[in-house]
């Protein structure tokens, strides 16, 4: 599975002409969540089908290997479906899903650091997400993934980022989420999000300074 940016899709299909109103989408979305809360297996499946790719992509970007990412996907949806009845505002489902994924990813990273036995997947696709974040400043973005020296530096820089900084830069630069939504997902203030984003960018920019436009 590649790491191109995973789009969040509405739970309900769009109308044939692609012009379904936002109100209709929201209504259908909330209806599917409500059906799942009532134990409808088809609703569970629809939610999983829509969001498993998003969860996997984010988990893989956070932990860097397929084994942990697969486990996180399973654990995330087990936790989601087990606690879905507790969700008070169905419109907050997406941020709640991200929150669970991020927290489980951070837990897996901490566990791996303690064990120090699971190697980071050093395949080029691990770094595909970073090309998206640096495409405006790298001299030749098309060659980023072909440059082994740059890949090694990216690997070092990403692995050295604290978990929250890594989460913030992935959610903002790759997933395209607003700082406000990230603050809700990570349960921190906007100031904390901005600070983490600033420091993460600064560290990555320093590591990749020789490849950036002067």
N, C-alpha and C. Protein backbone atom coordinates (compact mmCIF):
# COMPACT_ATOMS: atom_id res chain seq x y z
N UNK A 1 0.84 -1.18 0.00
CA UNK A 1 0.00 0.00 0.00
C UNK A 1 0.88 1.23 0.00
N UNK A 2 0.72 2.14 -0.94
CA UNK A 2 1.53 3.33 -1.03
C UNK A 2 1.14 4.34 0.02
N UNK A 3 1.95 5.39 0.15
CA UNK A 3 1.70 6.37 1.18
C UNK A 3 1.26 7.70 0.61
N UNK A 4 0.67 7.70 -0.58
CA UNK A 4 0.15 8.94 -1.07
C UNK A 4 -0.95 9.39 -0.13
N UNK A 5 -1.18 10.69 -0.09
CA UNK A 5 -2.13 11.25 0.87
C UNK A 5 -3.48 10.57 0.77
N UNK A 6 -3.94 10.03 1.88
CA UNK A 6 -5.22 9.35 1.90
C UNK A 6 -6.32 10.36 2.14
N UNK A 7 -7.30 10.39 1.26
CA UNK A 7 -8.39 11.33 1.38
C UNK A 7 -9.46 10.81 2.32
N UNK A 8 -9.99 11.70 3.15
CA UNK A 8 -11.11 11.34 4.01
C UNK A 8 -12.36 11.41 3.16
N UNK A 9 -13.02 10.29 3.00
CA UNK A 9 -14.22 10.24 2.18
C UNK A 9 -15.46 10.30 3.05
N UNK A 10 -16.53 10.91 2.54
CA UNK A 10 -17.78 10.91 3.30
C UNK A 10 -18.29 9.50 3.42
N UNK A 11 -19.04 9.22 4.46
CA UNK A 11 -19.56 7.87 4.66
C UNK A 11 -20.67 7.55 3.69
N UNK A 12 -21.30 8.54 3.14
CA UNK A 12 -22.37 8.30 2.18
C UNK A 12 -21.88 8.63 0.78
N UNK A 13 -22.29 7.85 -0.24
CA UNK A 13 -21.85 8.12 -1.59
C UNK A 13 -22.41 9.44 -2.10
N UNK A 14 -21.65 10.12 -2.95
CA UNK A 14 -22.13 11.37 -3.52
C UNK A 14 -23.21 11.10 -4.55
N UNK A 15 -23.96 12.12 -4.84
CA UNK A 15 -25.00 11.99 -5.84
C UNK A 15 -24.38 11.82 -7.20
N UNK A 16 -25.09 11.30 -8.22
CA UNK A 16 -24.51 11.05 -9.54
C UNK A 16 -23.83 12.26 -10.15
N UNK A 17 -24.37 13.46 -9.91
CA UNK A 17 -23.76 14.63 -10.53
C UNK A 17 -22.67 15.24 -9.65
N UNK A 18 -22.39 14.58 -8.50
CA UNK A 18 -21.31 15.03 -7.64
C UNK A 18 -21.61 16.30 -6.88
N UNK A 19 -22.89 16.70 -6.81
CA UNK A 19 -23.24 17.96 -6.18
C UNK A 19 -24.13 17.78 -4.96
N UNK A 20 -23.93 16.69 -4.26
CA UNK A 20 -24.72 16.46 -3.06
C UNK A 20 -24.41 17.56 -2.05
N UNK A 21 -25.42 18.08 -1.41
CA UNK A 21 -25.23 19.19 -0.50
C UNK A 21 -24.50 18.74 0.76
N UNK A 22 -23.83 19.70 1.38
CA UNK A 22 -23.09 19.41 2.61
C UNK A 22 -24.04 18.95 3.70
N UNK A 23 -25.22 19.54 3.75
CA UNK A 23 -26.20 19.17 4.76
C UNK A 23 -26.63 17.72 4.60
N UNK A 24 -26.82 17.29 3.33
CA UNK A 24 -27.22 15.91 3.06
C UNK A 24 -26.11 14.94 3.45
N UNK A 25 -24.86 15.30 3.12
CA UNK A 25 -23.72 14.45 3.47
C UNK A 25 -23.62 14.30 4.99
N UNK A 26 -23.77 15.41 5.69
CA UNK A 26 -23.67 15.38 7.15
C UNK A 26 -24.76 14.52 7.74
N UNK A 27 -25.97 14.66 7.20
CA UNK A 27 -27.10 13.88 7.68
C UNK A 27 -26.86 12.39 7.47
N UNK A 28 -26.39 12.02 6.27
CA UNK A 28 -26.12 10.62 5.96
C UNK A 28 -24.98 10.08 6.82
N UNK A 29 -23.97 10.90 7.01
CA UNK A 29 -22.81 10.52 7.83
C UNK A 29 -23.27 10.19 9.24
N UNK A 30 -24.04 11.08 9.82
CA UNK A 30 -24.51 10.88 11.19
C UNK A 30 -25.43 9.67 11.28
N UNK A 31 -26.18 9.42 10.20
CA UNK A 31 -27.09 8.27 10.18
C UNK A 31 -26.31 6.96 10.22
N UNK A 32 -25.22 6.89 9.44
CA UNK A 32 -24.39 5.68 9.43
C UNK A 32 -23.77 5.44 10.80
N UNK A 33 -23.27 6.51 11.42
CA UNK A 33 -22.68 6.38 12.76
C UNK A 33 -23.74 5.89 13.74
N UNK A 34 -24.93 6.46 13.65
CA UNK A 34 -26.02 6.08 14.55
C UNK A 34 -26.39 4.60 14.36
N UNK A 35 -26.43 4.15 13.11
CA UNK A 35 -26.75 2.75 12.82
C UNK A 35 -25.68 1.83 13.44
N UNK A 36 -24.42 2.24 13.32
CA UNK A 36 -23.34 1.44 13.90
C UNK A 36 -23.46 1.41 15.42
N UNK A 37 -23.83 2.53 16.01
CA UNK A 37 -23.99 2.60 17.45
C UNK A 37 -25.10 1.66 17.93
N UNK A 38 -26.04 1.40 17.04
CA UNK A 38 -27.15 0.52 17.37
C UNK A 38 -26.85 -0.94 17.03
N UNK A 39 -25.61 -1.19 16.54
CA UNK A 39 -25.18 -2.56 16.30
C UNK A 39 -25.37 -3.06 14.88
N UNK A 40 -25.64 -2.18 13.92
CA UNK A 40 -25.83 -2.59 12.53
C UNK A 40 -24.48 -3.00 11.93
N UNK A 41 -24.35 -4.27 11.56
CA UNK A 41 -23.08 -4.78 11.04
C UNK A 41 -22.69 -4.16 9.69
N UNK A 42 -23.68 -3.85 8.86
CA UNK A 42 -23.39 -3.22 7.58
C UNK A 42 -22.79 -1.82 7.79
N UNK A 43 -23.29 -1.13 8.80
CA UNK A 43 -22.76 0.20 9.10
C UNK A 43 -21.31 0.10 9.59
N UNK A 44 -21.04 -0.91 10.41
CA UNK A 44 -19.66 -1.14 10.86
C UNK A 44 -18.75 -1.35 9.66
N UNK A 45 -19.19 -2.17 8.75
CA UNK A 45 -18.38 -2.49 7.57
C UNK A 45 -18.14 -1.25 6.71
N UNK A 46 -19.18 -0.43 6.57
CA UNK A 46 -19.04 0.77 5.74
C UNK A 46 -18.04 1.73 6.36
N UNK A 47 -18.10 1.87 7.67
CA UNK A 47 -17.14 2.73 8.35
C UNK A 47 -15.72 2.20 8.17
N UNK A 48 -15.56 0.90 8.35
CA UNK A 48 -14.22 0.29 8.20
C UNK A 48 -13.70 0.47 6.78
N UNK A 49 -14.55 0.18 5.80
CA UNK A 49 -14.12 0.28 4.40
C UNK A 49 -13.70 1.70 4.04
N UNK A 50 -14.40 2.68 4.60
CA UNK A 50 -14.09 4.08 4.29
C UNK A 50 -12.79 4.54 4.94
N UNK A 51 -12.50 4.03 6.14
CA UNK A 51 -11.43 4.62 6.92
C UNK A 51 -10.22 3.74 7.18
N UNK A 52 -10.26 2.48 6.79
CA UNK A 52 -9.11 1.60 7.10
C UNK A 52 -7.85 2.09 6.40
N UNK A 53 -7.98 2.58 5.18
CA UNK A 53 -6.81 3.07 4.45
C UNK A 53 -6.23 4.32 5.12
N UNK A 54 -7.10 5.21 5.56
CA UNK A 54 -6.65 6.42 6.24
C UNK A 54 -5.89 6.07 7.51
N UNK A 55 -6.45 5.16 8.29
CA UNK A 55 -5.82 4.74 9.55
C UNK A 55 -4.48 4.06 9.27
N UNK A 56 -4.45 3.17 8.27
CA UNK A 56 -3.21 2.46 7.95
C UNK A 56 -2.12 3.45 7.52
N UNK A 57 -2.47 4.38 6.64
CA UNK A 57 -1.50 5.35 6.13
C UNK A 57 -0.90 6.17 7.26
N UNK A 58 -1.75 6.69 8.12
CA UNK A 58 -1.27 7.50 9.23
C UNK A 58 -0.42 6.66 10.20
N UNK A 59 -0.87 5.46 10.49
CA UNK A 59 -0.11 4.59 11.40
C UNK A 59 1.25 4.26 10.82
N UNK A 60 1.31 3.95 9.53
CA UNK A 60 2.58 3.60 8.91
C UNK A 60 3.53 4.80 8.92
N UNK A 61 2.99 5.98 8.67
CA UNK A 61 3.82 7.18 8.71
C UNK A 61 4.37 7.43 10.11
N UNK A 62 3.60 7.06 11.12
CA UNK A 62 4.04 7.28 12.49
C UNK A 62 5.06 6.25 12.95
N UNK A 63 4.86 4.98 12.61
CA UNK A 63 5.72 3.92 13.16
C UNK A 63 6.76 3.40 12.17
N UNK A 64 6.53 3.57 10.87
CA UNK A 64 7.55 3.25 9.89
C UNK A 64 7.70 1.80 9.51
N UNK A 65 6.79 0.91 9.94
CA UNK A 65 6.88 -0.47 9.48
C UNK A 65 5.49 -1.08 9.38
N UNK A 66 5.36 -2.03 8.47
CA UNK A 66 4.05 -2.60 8.14
C UNK A 66 3.46 -3.44 9.26
N UNK A 67 4.31 -4.15 9.98
CA UNK A 67 3.81 -5.03 11.04
C UNK A 67 3.07 -4.23 12.11
N UNK A 68 3.72 -3.19 12.62
CA UNK A 68 3.08 -2.36 13.64
C UNK A 68 1.86 -1.64 13.07
N UNK A 69 1.95 -1.16 11.83
CA UNK A 69 0.83 -0.45 11.22
C UNK A 69 -0.40 -1.34 11.12
N UNK A 70 -0.19 -2.59 10.72
CA UNK A 70 -1.31 -3.54 10.64
C UNK A 70 -1.94 -3.75 12.02
N UNK A 71 -1.10 -3.89 13.04
CA UNK A 71 -1.61 -4.09 14.39
C UNK A 71 -2.39 -2.87 14.86
N UNK A 72 -1.89 -1.69 14.51
CA UNK A 72 -2.56 -0.45 14.93
C UNK A 72 -3.93 -0.33 14.27
N UNK A 73 -4.02 -0.71 12.99
CA UNK A 73 -5.32 -0.69 12.31
C UNK A 73 -6.31 -1.58 13.05
N UNK A 74 -5.90 -2.78 13.37
CA UNK A 74 -6.79 -3.71 14.06
C UNK A 74 -7.19 -3.17 15.43
N UNK A 75 -6.20 -2.68 16.18
CA UNK A 75 -6.48 -2.18 17.52
C UNK A 75 -7.35 -0.93 17.48
N UNK A 76 -7.12 -0.09 16.46
CA UNK A 76 -7.91 1.14 16.34
C UNK A 76 -9.38 0.84 16.14
N UNK A 77 -9.69 -0.05 15.20
CA UNK A 77 -11.10 -0.32 14.92
C UNK A 77 -11.76 -1.15 16.02
N UNK A 78 -10.98 -1.99 16.70
CA UNK A 78 -11.53 -2.69 17.86
C UNK A 78 -11.94 -1.67 18.92
N UNK A 79 -11.07 -0.70 19.14
CA UNK A 79 -11.36 0.33 20.13
C UNK A 79 -12.51 1.24 19.68
N UNK A 80 -12.53 1.56 18.40
CA UNK A 80 -13.60 2.42 17.87
C UNK A 80 -14.96 1.75 18.03
N UNK A 81 -15.08 0.52 17.58
CA UNK A 81 -16.37 -0.15 17.61
C UNK A 81 -16.79 -0.51 19.04
N UNK A 82 -15.81 -0.74 19.89
CA UNK A 82 -16.12 -1.08 21.28
C UNK A 82 -16.65 0.14 22.03
N UNK A 83 -16.19 1.33 21.63
CA UNK A 83 -16.55 2.55 22.37
C UNK A 83 -17.42 3.51 21.57
N UNK A 84 -17.88 3.09 20.40
CA UNK A 84 -18.66 3.99 19.54
C UNK A 84 -19.91 4.50 20.24
N UNK A 85 -20.51 3.68 21.09
CA UNK A 85 -21.74 4.09 21.77
C UNK A 85 -21.51 5.24 22.75
N UNK A 86 -20.23 5.48 23.09
CA UNK A 86 -19.92 6.56 24.01
C UNK A 86 -19.70 7.89 23.31
N UNK A 87 -19.63 7.87 21.98
CA UNK A 87 -19.40 9.09 21.22
C UNK A 87 -20.64 9.97 21.30
N UNK A 88 -20.52 11.13 21.91
CA UNK A 88 -21.67 12.01 22.12
C UNK A 88 -22.01 12.86 20.90
N UNK A 89 -20.98 13.26 20.17
CA UNK A 89 -21.19 14.09 18.98
C UNK A 89 -20.66 13.34 17.76
N UNK A 90 -21.57 12.84 16.93
CA UNK A 90 -21.15 12.03 15.79
C UNK A 90 -20.30 12.81 14.79
N UNK A 91 -20.43 14.13 14.80
CA UNK A 91 -19.63 14.94 13.88
C UNK A 91 -18.15 14.94 14.26
N UNK A 92 -17.84 14.53 15.47
CA UNK A 92 -16.45 14.50 15.92
C UNK A 92 -15.80 13.13 15.67
N UNK A 93 -16.48 12.27 14.93
CA UNK A 93 -15.98 10.91 14.71
C UNK A 93 -14.59 10.90 14.08
N UNK A 94 -14.38 11.71 13.05
CA UNK A 94 -13.10 11.70 12.33
C UNK A 94 -11.95 12.11 13.24
N UNK A 95 -12.12 13.19 13.99
CA UNK A 95 -11.04 13.62 14.89
C UNK A 95 -10.81 12.58 15.99
N UNK A 96 -11.88 11.93 16.43
CA UNK A 96 -11.76 10.85 17.43
C UNK A 96 -10.99 9.68 16.86
N UNK A 97 -11.25 9.33 15.61
CA UNK A 97 -10.56 8.23 14.94
C UNK A 97 -9.06 8.54 14.82
N UNK A 98 -8.75 9.76 14.40
CA UNK A 98 -7.35 10.19 14.32
C UNK A 98 -6.68 10.12 15.70
N UNK A 99 -7.40 10.57 16.71
CA UNK A 99 -6.85 10.59 18.06
C UNK A 99 -6.47 9.19 18.52
N UNK A 100 -7.34 8.23 18.29
CA UNK A 100 -7.06 6.85 18.68
C UNK A 100 -5.85 6.31 17.90
N UNK A 101 -5.82 6.58 16.61
CA UNK A 101 -4.71 6.11 15.77
C UNK A 101 -3.38 6.68 16.23
N UNK A 102 -3.35 7.98 16.48
CA UNK A 102 -2.12 8.65 16.92
C UNK A 102 -1.66 8.10 18.27
N UNK A 103 -2.59 7.97 19.21
CA UNK A 103 -2.22 7.48 20.54
C UNK A 103 -1.67 6.06 20.49
N UNK A 104 -2.31 5.19 19.70
CA UNK A 104 -1.83 3.82 19.58
C UNK A 104 -0.46 3.79 18.88
N UNK A 105 -0.28 4.67 17.90
CA UNK A 105 1.01 4.73 17.20
C UNK A 105 2.13 5.15 18.14
N UNK A 106 1.84 6.14 18.96
CA UNK A 106 2.83 6.61 19.93
C UNK A 106 3.17 5.49 20.91
N UNK A 107 2.15 4.76 21.36
CA UNK A 107 2.38 3.64 22.27
C UNK A 107 3.26 2.57 21.63
N UNK A 108 3.00 2.27 20.36
CA UNK A 108 3.79 1.26 19.65
C UNK A 108 5.24 1.72 19.49
N UNK A 109 5.43 3.01 19.22
CA UNK A 109 6.79 3.54 19.07
C UNK A 109 7.56 3.43 20.39
N UNK A 110 6.87 3.75 21.49
CA UNK A 110 7.52 3.65 22.81
C UNK A 110 7.89 2.20 23.11
N UNK A 111 6.97 1.30 22.79
CA UNK A 111 7.23 -0.12 23.04
C UNK A 111 8.40 -0.61 22.20
N UNK A 112 8.45 -0.18 20.95
CA UNK A 112 9.53 -0.59 20.07
C UNK A 112 10.87 -0.04 20.56
N UNK A 113 10.86 1.20 21.07
CA UNK A 113 12.10 1.79 21.57
C UNK A 113 12.62 1.01 22.78
N UNK A 114 11.69 0.49 23.59
CA UNK A 114 12.10 -0.29 24.75
C UNK A 114 12.69 -1.63 24.32
N UNK A 115 12.04 -2.23 23.32
CA UNK A 115 12.51 -3.53 22.85
C UNK A 115 13.74 -3.40 21.97
N UNK A 116 13.73 -2.37 21.11
CA UNK A 116 14.83 -2.12 20.17
C UNK A 116 15.14 -3.35 19.33
N UNK A 117 14.10 -4.06 18.92
CA UNK A 117 14.31 -5.26 18.10
C UNK A 117 13.63 -5.17 16.75
N UNK A 118 12.67 -4.25 16.62
CA UNK A 118 11.94 -4.13 15.35
C UNK A 118 12.56 -3.04 14.51
N UNK A 119 13.19 -3.38 13.38
CA UNK A 119 13.85 -2.36 12.56
C UNK A 119 12.86 -1.47 11.85
N UNK A 120 13.28 -0.23 11.60
CA UNK A 120 12.46 0.68 10.80
C UNK A 120 12.49 0.21 9.35
N UNK A 121 11.36 0.23 8.70
CA UNK A 121 11.29 -0.11 7.29
C UNK A 121 11.97 0.99 6.51
N UNK A 122 13.12 0.66 5.89
CA UNK A 122 13.89 1.71 5.21
C UNK A 122 13.60 1.76 3.72
N UNK A 123 12.47 1.23 3.29
CA UNK A 123 12.12 1.30 1.88
C UNK A 123 11.76 2.73 1.52
N UNK A 124 11.98 3.14 0.26
CA UNK A 124 11.71 4.51 -0.15
C UNK A 124 10.29 4.96 0.14
N UNK A 125 9.30 4.03 0.15
CA UNK A 125 7.93 4.49 0.32
C UNK A 125 7.69 5.07 1.70
N UNK A 126 8.53 4.72 2.67
CA UNK A 126 8.36 5.32 3.98
C UNK A 126 8.52 6.82 3.92
N UNK A 127 9.34 7.29 2.98
CA UNK A 127 9.65 8.71 2.92
C UNK A 127 8.80 9.46 1.89
N UNK A 128 7.85 8.77 1.27
CA UNK A 128 7.04 9.42 0.24
C UNK A 128 6.27 10.60 0.82
N UNK A 129 5.81 10.44 2.07
CA UNK A 129 5.04 11.52 2.68
C UNK A 129 5.87 12.78 2.81
N UNK A 130 7.17 12.65 3.05
CA UNK A 130 7.98 13.83 3.29
C UNK A 130 8.19 14.64 2.01
N UNK A 131 8.14 13.96 0.88
CA UNK A 131 8.25 14.67 -0.39
C UNK A 131 7.10 15.67 -0.51
N UNK A 132 5.91 15.28 -0.04
CA UNK A 132 4.76 16.17 -0.10
C UNK A 132 5.00 17.42 0.72
N UNK A 133 5.61 17.24 1.87
CA UNK A 133 5.82 18.36 2.79
C UNK A 133 6.94 19.29 2.34
N UNK A 134 7.87 18.79 1.53
CA UNK A 134 9.02 19.61 1.14
C UNK A 134 9.02 19.97 -0.34
N UNK A 135 7.95 19.63 -1.05
CA UNK A 135 7.93 19.80 -2.50
C UNK A 135 8.10 21.25 -2.94
N UNK A 136 7.76 22.20 -2.05
CA UNK A 136 7.88 23.61 -2.42
C UNK A 136 9.30 24.13 -2.29
N UNK A 137 10.12 23.45 -1.50
CA UNK A 137 11.45 24.00 -1.22
C UNK A 137 12.61 23.16 -1.72
N UNK A 138 12.38 21.88 -1.99
CA UNK A 138 13.45 21.04 -2.50
C UNK A 138 13.73 21.41 -3.95
N UNK A 139 15.02 21.45 -4.32
CA UNK A 139 15.38 21.91 -5.66
C UNK A 139 14.71 21.09 -6.75
N UNK A 140 14.71 19.79 -6.61
CA UNK A 140 14.11 18.92 -7.62
C UNK A 140 13.30 17.84 -6.93
N UNK A 141 12.03 18.14 -6.57
CA UNK A 141 11.21 17.17 -5.83
C UNK A 141 11.09 15.82 -6.52
N UNK A 142 11.14 15.82 -7.85
CA UNK A 142 11.00 14.57 -8.59
C UNK A 142 12.12 13.58 -8.33
N UNK A 143 13.24 14.08 -7.83
CA UNK A 143 14.39 13.21 -7.59
C UNK A 143 14.61 12.91 -6.11
N UNK A 144 13.70 13.42 -5.24
CA UNK A 144 13.89 13.26 -3.81
C UNK A 144 14.04 11.80 -3.41
N UNK A 145 13.12 10.97 -3.90
CA UNK A 145 13.13 9.57 -3.47
C UNK A 145 14.25 8.76 -4.11
N UNK A 146 14.93 9.34 -5.09
CA UNK A 146 16.03 8.64 -5.74
C UNK A 146 17.37 8.98 -5.08
N UNK A 147 17.36 9.92 -4.18
CA UNK A 147 18.59 10.39 -3.57
C UNK A 147 18.80 9.70 -2.24
N UNK A 148 19.65 8.69 -2.22
CA UNK A 148 19.84 7.88 -1.02
C UNK A 148 20.40 8.69 0.14
N UNK A 149 21.26 9.62 -0.16
CA UNK A 149 21.83 10.44 0.90
C UNK A 149 20.74 11.25 1.60
N UNK A 150 19.82 11.81 0.80
CA UNK A 150 18.71 12.57 1.37
C UNK A 150 17.80 11.67 2.18
N UNK A 151 17.55 10.45 1.67
CA UNK A 151 16.69 9.51 2.39
C UNK A 151 17.26 9.20 3.77
N UNK A 152 18.58 9.03 3.83
CA UNK A 152 19.21 8.72 5.10
C UNK A 152 19.07 9.89 6.07
N UNK A 153 19.21 11.10 5.55
CA UNK A 153 19.08 12.28 6.39
C UNK A 153 17.63 12.45 6.86
N UNK A 154 16.68 12.18 5.96
CA UNK A 154 15.27 12.26 6.34
C UNK A 154 14.97 11.25 7.43
N UNK A 155 15.47 10.03 7.23
CA UNK A 155 15.24 8.97 8.21
C UNK A 155 15.74 9.40 9.59
N UNK A 156 16.96 9.94 9.62
CA UNK A 156 17.54 10.40 10.88
C UNK A 156 16.71 11.51 11.51
N UNK A 157 16.34 12.48 10.69
CA UNK A 157 15.59 13.64 11.19
C UNK A 157 14.22 13.24 11.71
N UNK A 158 13.51 12.41 10.96
CA UNK A 158 12.17 11.99 11.37
C UNK A 158 12.22 11.18 12.65
N UNK A 159 13.17 10.26 12.74
CA UNK A 159 13.28 9.41 13.92
C UNK A 159 13.67 10.20 15.16
N UNK A 160 14.33 11.33 14.97
CA UNK A 160 14.76 12.13 16.12
C UNK A 160 13.66 13.06 16.62
N UNK A 161 12.61 13.23 15.84
CA UNK A 161 11.52 14.10 16.27
C UNK A 161 10.77 13.46 17.43
N UNK A 162 10.45 14.25 18.44
CA UNK A 162 9.59 13.73 19.51
C UNK A 162 8.25 13.30 18.92
N UNK A 163 7.57 12.38 19.57
CA UNK A 163 6.35 11.80 19.03
C UNK A 163 5.31 12.85 18.66
N UNK A 164 5.13 13.86 19.52
CA UNK A 164 4.09 14.85 19.24
C UNK A 164 4.46 15.72 18.04
N UNK A 165 5.74 16.07 17.91
CA UNK A 165 6.17 16.85 16.75
C UNK A 165 5.97 16.05 15.46
N UNK A 166 6.29 14.78 15.52
CA UNK A 166 6.10 13.91 14.36
C UNK A 166 4.62 13.84 13.98
N UNK A 167 3.76 13.69 14.99
CA UNK A 167 2.32 13.61 14.74
C UNK A 167 1.81 14.91 14.14
N UNK A 168 2.23 16.04 14.68
CA UNK A 168 1.76 17.34 14.20
C UNK A 168 2.16 17.57 12.75
N UNK A 169 3.41 17.29 12.41
CA UNK A 169 3.86 17.57 11.05
C UNK A 169 3.20 16.63 10.03
N UNK A 170 2.93 15.39 10.45
CA UNK A 170 2.24 14.46 9.56
C UNK A 170 0.79 14.89 9.34
N UNK A 171 0.12 15.23 10.42
CA UNK A 171 -1.29 15.60 10.32
C UNK A 171 -1.47 16.90 9.53
N UNK A 172 -0.54 17.86 9.72
CA UNK A 172 -0.69 19.16 9.06
C UNK A 172 -0.16 19.15 7.63
N UNK A 173 1.07 18.67 7.44
CA UNK A 173 1.71 18.76 6.13
C UNK A 173 1.27 17.67 5.17
N UNK A 174 0.97 16.50 5.69
CA UNK A 174 0.62 15.37 4.82
C UNK A 174 -0.88 15.17 4.73
N UNK A 175 -1.54 15.09 5.89
CA UNK A 175 -2.97 14.87 5.88
C UNK A 175 -3.75 16.14 5.58
N UNK A 176 -3.09 17.29 5.71
CA UNK A 176 -3.73 18.56 5.36
C UNK A 176 -4.75 19.04 6.37
N UNK A 177 -4.63 18.60 7.61
CA UNK A 177 -5.59 19.00 8.64
C UNK A 177 -5.24 20.39 9.18
N UNK A 178 -6.26 21.10 9.61
CA UNK A 178 -6.05 22.43 10.18
C UNK A 178 -5.42 22.30 11.56
N UNK A 179 -4.79 23.37 12.00
CA UNK A 179 -4.19 23.37 13.33
C UNK A 179 -5.25 23.19 14.40
N UNK A 180 -6.42 23.74 14.16
CA UNK A 180 -7.52 23.61 15.12
C UNK A 180 -7.93 22.14 15.28
N UNK A 181 -8.06 21.44 14.17
CA UNK A 181 -8.46 20.04 14.24
C UNK A 181 -7.36 19.21 14.90
N UNK A 182 -6.11 19.54 14.60
CA UNK A 182 -4.98 18.82 15.20
C UNK A 182 -4.98 19.01 16.72
N UNK A 183 -5.32 20.21 17.16
CA UNK A 183 -5.36 20.47 18.60
C UNK A 183 -6.44 19.62 19.26
N UNK A 184 -7.54 19.39 18.54
CA UNK A 184 -8.61 18.54 19.07
C UNK A 184 -8.17 17.08 19.10
N UNK A 185 -7.49 16.65 18.05
CA UNK A 185 -7.04 15.26 17.97
C UNK A 185 -6.02 14.95 19.06
N UNK A 186 -5.05 15.85 19.23
CA UNK A 186 -3.98 15.62 20.19
C UNK A 186 -4.34 16.13 21.59
N UNK A 187 -5.52 16.75 21.68
CA UNK A 187 -6.00 17.26 22.97
C UNK A 187 -4.99 18.21 23.60
N UNK A 188 -4.58 19.19 22.80
CA UNK A 188 -3.67 20.21 23.29
C UNK A 188 -4.10 21.56 22.72
N UNK A 189 -3.46 22.62 23.16
CA UNK A 189 -3.84 23.95 22.71
C UNK A 189 -3.31 24.25 21.31
N UNK A 190 -3.89 25.28 20.68
CA UNK A 190 -3.41 25.72 19.37
C UNK A 190 -1.96 26.19 19.47
N UNK A 191 -1.63 26.82 20.58
CA UNK A 191 -0.26 27.29 20.79
C UNK A 191 0.71 26.11 20.78
N UNK A 192 0.31 25.02 21.42
CA UNK A 192 1.16 23.82 21.46
C UNK A 192 1.34 23.24 20.06
N UNK A 193 0.25 23.21 19.28
CA UNK A 193 0.34 22.71 17.91
C UNK A 193 1.29 23.57 17.09
N UNK A 194 1.12 24.88 17.17
CA UNK A 194 1.97 25.80 16.40
C UNK A 194 3.44 25.66 16.82
N UNK A 195 3.66 25.50 18.12
CA UNK A 195 5.02 25.38 18.63
C UNK A 195 5.68 24.08 18.13
N UNK A 196 4.93 22.99 18.22
CA UNK A 196 5.47 21.71 17.75
C UNK A 196 5.73 21.73 16.25
N UNK A 197 4.83 22.34 15.50
CA UNK A 197 5.00 22.43 14.05
C UNK A 197 6.23 23.26 13.71
N UNK A 198 6.40 24.36 14.41
CA UNK A 198 7.54 25.24 14.17
C UNK A 198 8.85 24.50 14.44
N UNK A 199 8.93 23.83 15.59
CA UNK A 199 10.17 23.14 15.94
C UNK A 199 10.45 21.96 15.01
N UNK A 200 9.39 21.23 14.61
CA UNK A 200 9.59 20.10 13.70
C UNK A 200 10.12 20.58 12.35
N UNK A 201 9.51 21.64 11.83
CA UNK A 201 9.96 22.20 10.56
C UNK A 201 11.40 22.69 10.65
N UNK A 202 11.72 23.34 11.75
CA UNK A 202 13.06 23.88 11.95
C UNK A 202 14.11 22.76 11.96
N UNK A 203 13.81 21.68 12.66
CA UNK A 203 14.74 20.55 12.75
C UNK A 203 14.92 19.88 11.39
N UNK A 204 13.81 19.68 10.68
CA UNK A 204 13.89 19.03 9.38
C UNK A 204 14.59 19.93 8.36
N UNK A 205 14.31 21.22 8.44
CA UNK A 205 14.94 22.17 7.52
C UNK A 205 16.45 22.21 7.74
N UNK A 206 16.86 22.13 9.00
CA UNK A 206 18.29 22.14 9.31
C UNK A 206 18.97 20.90 8.76
N UNK A 207 18.34 19.75 8.91
CA UNK A 207 18.91 18.50 8.41
C UNK A 207 19.02 18.52 6.89
N UNK A 208 18.02 19.14 6.24
CA UNK A 208 17.97 19.11 4.77
C UNK A 208 18.44 20.42 4.15
N UNK A 209 19.15 21.24 4.91
CA UNK A 209 19.53 22.58 4.45
C UNK A 209 20.27 22.59 3.13
N UNK A 210 21.10 21.60 2.91
CA UNK A 210 21.91 21.58 1.67
C UNK A 210 21.05 21.31 0.44
N UNK A 211 19.82 20.79 0.64
CA UNK A 211 18.95 20.49 -0.49
C UNK A 211 17.91 21.57 -0.72
N UNK A 212 17.84 22.55 0.19
CA UNK A 212 16.82 23.58 0.08
C UNK A 212 17.36 24.79 -0.67
N UNK A 213 16.44 25.51 -1.27
CA UNK A 213 16.82 26.70 -2.02
C UNK A 213 17.35 27.74 -1.05
N UNK A 214 18.41 28.36 -1.44
CA UNK A 214 18.99 29.37 -0.57
C UNK A 214 18.32 30.71 -0.71
